[in-house]
Amino acid sequence: MNAQCFQIDRRDNVATLLQDAVEADTLLLSGDATRPFIRASAAVRAGHKVAVTAIAEGEHVIKYGQPIGVATRPIECGEWVHLHNCRSLYDAGSSSLDLESGARKETRYA
């Protein structure tokens, strides 16, 4: 089964998964999509972003037709876009969030 993802604006270089994708799954794009499908490079959970084009290191991550982050390394088309390869333009603390849950990491005091 092919997973579906939604590209909000044609200017976006990411789309949001509407259902879980298995590794190397074909992702069907809907919304204001620039192409009919892309190939996921790995498993991606529903609600997460995937690149619909290659994004160079330092390039803006675009969602809603607006920059929401900056790629911290090159991101291939079909790759999961999250805390491990981009930083938020809006939340300086987002780089310290747990990669899987998105929750703030617990700070332990000695």
C-alpha atoms as a PDB file:
ATOM      1  CA  MET A   1       0.000   0.000   0.000  1.00  0.00           C
ATOM      2  CA  ASN A   2       1.282   3.471  -0.844  1.00  0.00           C
ATOM      3  CA  ALA A   3       1.270   6.111   1.881  1.00  0.00           C
ATOM      4  CA  GLN A   4      -0.257   9.515   1.248  1.00  0.00           C
ATOM      5  CA  CYS A   5       1.250  12.880   2.072  1.00  0.00           C
ATOM      6  CA  PHE A   6      -0.022  16.419   1.690  1.00  0.00           C
ATOM      7  CA  GLN A   7       1.875  19.328   0.148  1.00  0.00           C
ATOM      8  CA  ILE A   8       0.172  22.494   1.392  1.00  0.00           C
ATOM      9  CA  ASP A   9       1.618  24.973  -1.120  1.00  0.00           C
ATOM     10  CA  ARG A  10       3.409  24.539  -4.470  1.00  0.00           C
ATOM     11  CA  ARG A  11       6.355  26.527  -3.045  1.00  0.00           C
ATOM     12  CA  ASP A  12       6.818  23.970  -0.240  1.00  0.00           C
ATOM     13  CA  ASN A  13       9.816  21.664  -0.372  1.00  0.00           C
ATOM     14  CA  VAL A  14       8.242  19.349   2.215  1.00  0.00           C
ATOM     15  CA  ALA A  15       4.946  17.469   2.522  1.00  0.00           C
ATOM     16  CA  THR A  16       3.296  16.001   5.621  1.00  0.00           C
ATOM     17  CA  LEU A  17       2.607  12.263   5.866  1.00  0.00           C
ATOM     18  CA  LEU A  18      -1.085  11.460   6.346  1.00  0.00           C
ATOM     19  CA  GLN A  19      -0.297   7.850   7.225  1.00  0.00           C
ATOM     20  CA  ASP A  20       2.785   5.867   8.187  1.00  0.00           C
ATOM     21  CA  ALA A  21       5.153   5.017   5.338  1.00  0.00           C
ATOM     22  CA  VAL A  22       7.281   1.909   5.277  1.00  0.00           C
ATOM     23  CA  GLU A  23      10.867   2.003   4.043  1.00  0.00           C
ATOM     24  CA  ALA A  24      11.166   2.721   0.304  1.00  0.00           C
ATOM     25  CA  ASP A  25       7.394   3.222   0.076  1.00  0.00           C
ATOM     26  CA  THR A  26       5.944   5.271  -2.759  1.00  0.00           C
ATOM     27  CA  LEU A  27       4.359   8.409  -1.309  1.00  0.00           C
ATOM     28  CA  LEU A  28       1.334   9.736  -3.162  1.00  0.00           C
ATOM     29  CA  LEU A  29       1.230  13.535  -3.022  1.00  0.00           C
ATOM     30  CA  SER A  30      -2.009  15.489  -2.728  1.00  0.00           C
ATOM     31  CA  GLY A  31      -2.884  19.107  -2.020  1.00  0.00           C
ATOM     32  CA  ASP A  32      -1.058  21.750  -4.058  1.00  0.00           C
ATOM     33  CA  ALA A  33       1.491  19.124  -5.111  1.00  0.00           C
ATOM     34  CA  THR A  34       4.239  19.712  -7.643  1.00  0.00           C
ATOM     35  CA  ARG A  35       4.372  16.037  -8.679  1.00  0.00           C
ATOM     36  CA  PRO A  36       2.141  12.950  -8.268  1.00  0.00           C
ATOM     37  CA  PHE A  37       4.477  10.893  -6.074  1.00  0.00           C
ATOM     38  CA  ILE A  38       7.940  10.550  -4.530  1.00  0.00           C
ATOM     39  CA  ARG A  39       9.811   7.591  -3.061  1.00  0.00           C
ATOM     40  CA  ALA A  40      10.465   7.554   0.704  1.00  0.00           C
ATOM     41  CA  SER A  41      14.072   6.769   1.578  1.00  0.00           C
ATOM     42  CA  ALA A  42      13.122   5.261   4.963  1.00  0.00           C
ATOM     43  CA  ALA A  43      10.124   4.650   7.186  1.00  0.00           C
ATOM     44  CA  VAL A  44       8.370   7.896   8.162  1.00  0.00           C
ATOM     45  CA  ARG A  45       5.534   8.221  10.668  1.00  0.00           C
ATOM     46  CA  ALA A  46       2.258   9.987   9.995  1.00  0.00           C
ATOM     47  CA  GLY A  47       2.346  13.689  10.839  1.00  0.00           C
ATOM     48  CA  HIS A  48       6.024  14.052   9.984  1.00  0.00           C
ATOM     49  CA  LYS A  49       7.535  15.924   7.040  1.00  0.00           C
ATOM     50  CA  VAL A  50       9.286  14.453   4.033  1.00  0.00           C
ATOM     51  CA  ALA A  51      11.289  16.383   1.418  1.00  0.00           C
ATOM     52  CA  VAL A  52       9.556  16.627  -1.970  1.00  0.00           C
ATOM     53  CA  THR A  53      12.761  17.985  -3.566  1.00  0.00           C
ATOM     54  CA  ALA A  54      16.410  17.904  -2.562  1.00  0.00           C
ATOM     55  CA  ILE A  55      17.191  20.586   0.042  1.00  0.00           C
ATOM     56  CA  ALA A  56      20.773  21.862   0.260  1.00  0.00           C
ATOM     57  CA  GLU A  57      22.526  22.486   3.573  1.00  0.00           C
ATOM     58  CA  GLY A  58      21.682  26.044   4.658  1.00  0.00           C
ATOM     59  CA  GLU A  59      18.584  26.196   2.438  1.00  0.00           C
ATOM     60  CA  HIS A  60      15.216  27.040   3.962  1.00  0.00           C
ATOM     61  CA  VAL A  61      12.728  24.286   4.714  1.00  0.00           C
ATOM     62  CA  ILE A  62       9.469  25.634   3.255  1.00  0.00           C
ATOM     63  CA  LYS A  63       5.986  24.698   4.549  1.00  0.00           C
ATOM     64  CA  TYR A  64       2.780  26.753   4.159  1.00  0.00           C
ATOM     65  CA  GLY A  65       4.686  28.610   1.419  1.00  0.00           C
ATOM     66  CA  GLN A  66       6.911  30.100   4.158  1.00  0.00           C
ATOM     67  CA  PRO A  67      10.331  29.221   5.604  1.00  0.00           C
ATOM     68  CA  ILE A  68       9.957  27.250   8.840  1.00  0.00           C
ATOM     69  CA  GLY A  69      13.534  26.056   9.262  1.00  0.00           C
ATOM     70  CA  VAL A  70      16.987  25.671   7.783  1.00  0.00           C
ATOM     71  CA  ALA A  71      18.577  22.424   6.603  1.00  0.00           C
ATOM     72  CA  THR A  72      21.605  21.604   8.768  1.00  0.00           C
ATOM     73  CA  ARG A  73      22.848  19.114   6.163  1.00  0.00           C
ATOM     74  CA  PRO A  74      21.827  18.102   2.633  1.00  0.00           C
ATOM     75  CA  ILE A  75      18.398  16.439   2.565  1.00  0.00           C
ATOM     76  CA  GLU A  76      17.477  14.127  -0.299  1.00  0.00           C
ATOM     77  CA  CYS A  77      14.057  14.002  -1.939  1.00  0.00           C
ATOM     78  CA  GLY A  78      11.953  11.469  -0.008  1.00  0.00           C
ATOM     79  CA  GLU A  79      13.962  11.856   3.202  1.00  0.00           C
ATOM     80  CA  TRP A  80      12.381  12.465   6.612  1.00  0.00           C
ATOM     81  CA  VAL A  81      12.769  16.152   7.572  1.00  0.00           C
ATOM     82  CA  HIS A  82      12.990  16.612  11.324  1.00  0.00           C
ATOM     83  CA  LEU A  83      15.293  17.674  14.174  1.00  0.00           C
ATOM     84  CA  HIS A  84      18.224  15.574  12.944  1.00  0.00           C
ATOM     85  CA  ASN A  85      18.584  17.502   9.661  1.00  0.00           C
ATOM     86  CA  CYS A  86      17.011  20.928  10.171  1.00  0.00           C
ATOM     87  CA  ARG A  87      16.693  23.620  12.804  1.00  0.00           C
ATOM     88  CA  SER A  88      13.626  25.696  13.470  1.00  0.00           C
ATOM     89  CA  LEU A  89      13.497  29.390  12.650  1.00  0.00           C
ATOM     90  CA  TYR A  90      10.948  29.843  15.447  1.00  0.00           C
ATOM     91  CA  ASP A  91      12.070  27.762  18.413  1.00  0.00           C
ATOM     92  CA  ALA A  92      15.743  27.887  19.356  1.00  0.00           C
ATOM     93  CA  GLY A  93      15.146  25.061  21.859  1.00  0.00           C
ATOM     94  CA  SER A  94      13.801  22.648  19.255  1.00  0.00           C
ATOM     95  CA  SER A  95      17.269  21.222  18.613  1.00  0.00           C
ATOM     96  CA  SER A  96      17.226  19.791  22.132  1.00  0.00           C
ATOM     97  CA  LEU A  97      13.926  17.920  21.690  1.00  0.00           C
ATOM     98  CA  ASP A  98      13.716  14.125  21.622  1.00  0.00           C
ATOM     99  CA  LEU A  99      13.963  13.013  17.990  1.00  0.00           C
ATOM    100  CA  GLU A 100      11.160  10.426  18.182  1.00  0.00           C
ATOM    101  CA  SER A 101       8.610  12.020  20.507  1.00  0.00           C
ATOM    102  CA  GLY A 102       9.365  15.728  20.039  1.00  0.00           C
ATOM    103  CA  ALA A 103       9.231  16.146  23.832  1.00  0.00           C
ATOM    104  CA  ARG A 104      11.731  18.276  25.709  1.00  0.00           C
ATOM    105  CA  LYS A 105      14.554  16.133  27.022  1.00  0.00           C
ATOM    106  CA  GLU A 106      14.583  15.794  30.778  1.00  0.00           C
ATOM    107  CA  THR A 107      17.353  17.762  32.440  1.00  0.00           C
ATOM    108  CA  ARG A 108      19.082  15.885  35.225  1.00  0.00           C
ATOM    109  CA  TYR A 109      20.833  17.736  38.004  1.00  0.00           C
ATOM    110  CA  ALA A 110      23.800  16.279  39.899  1.00  0.00           C
END
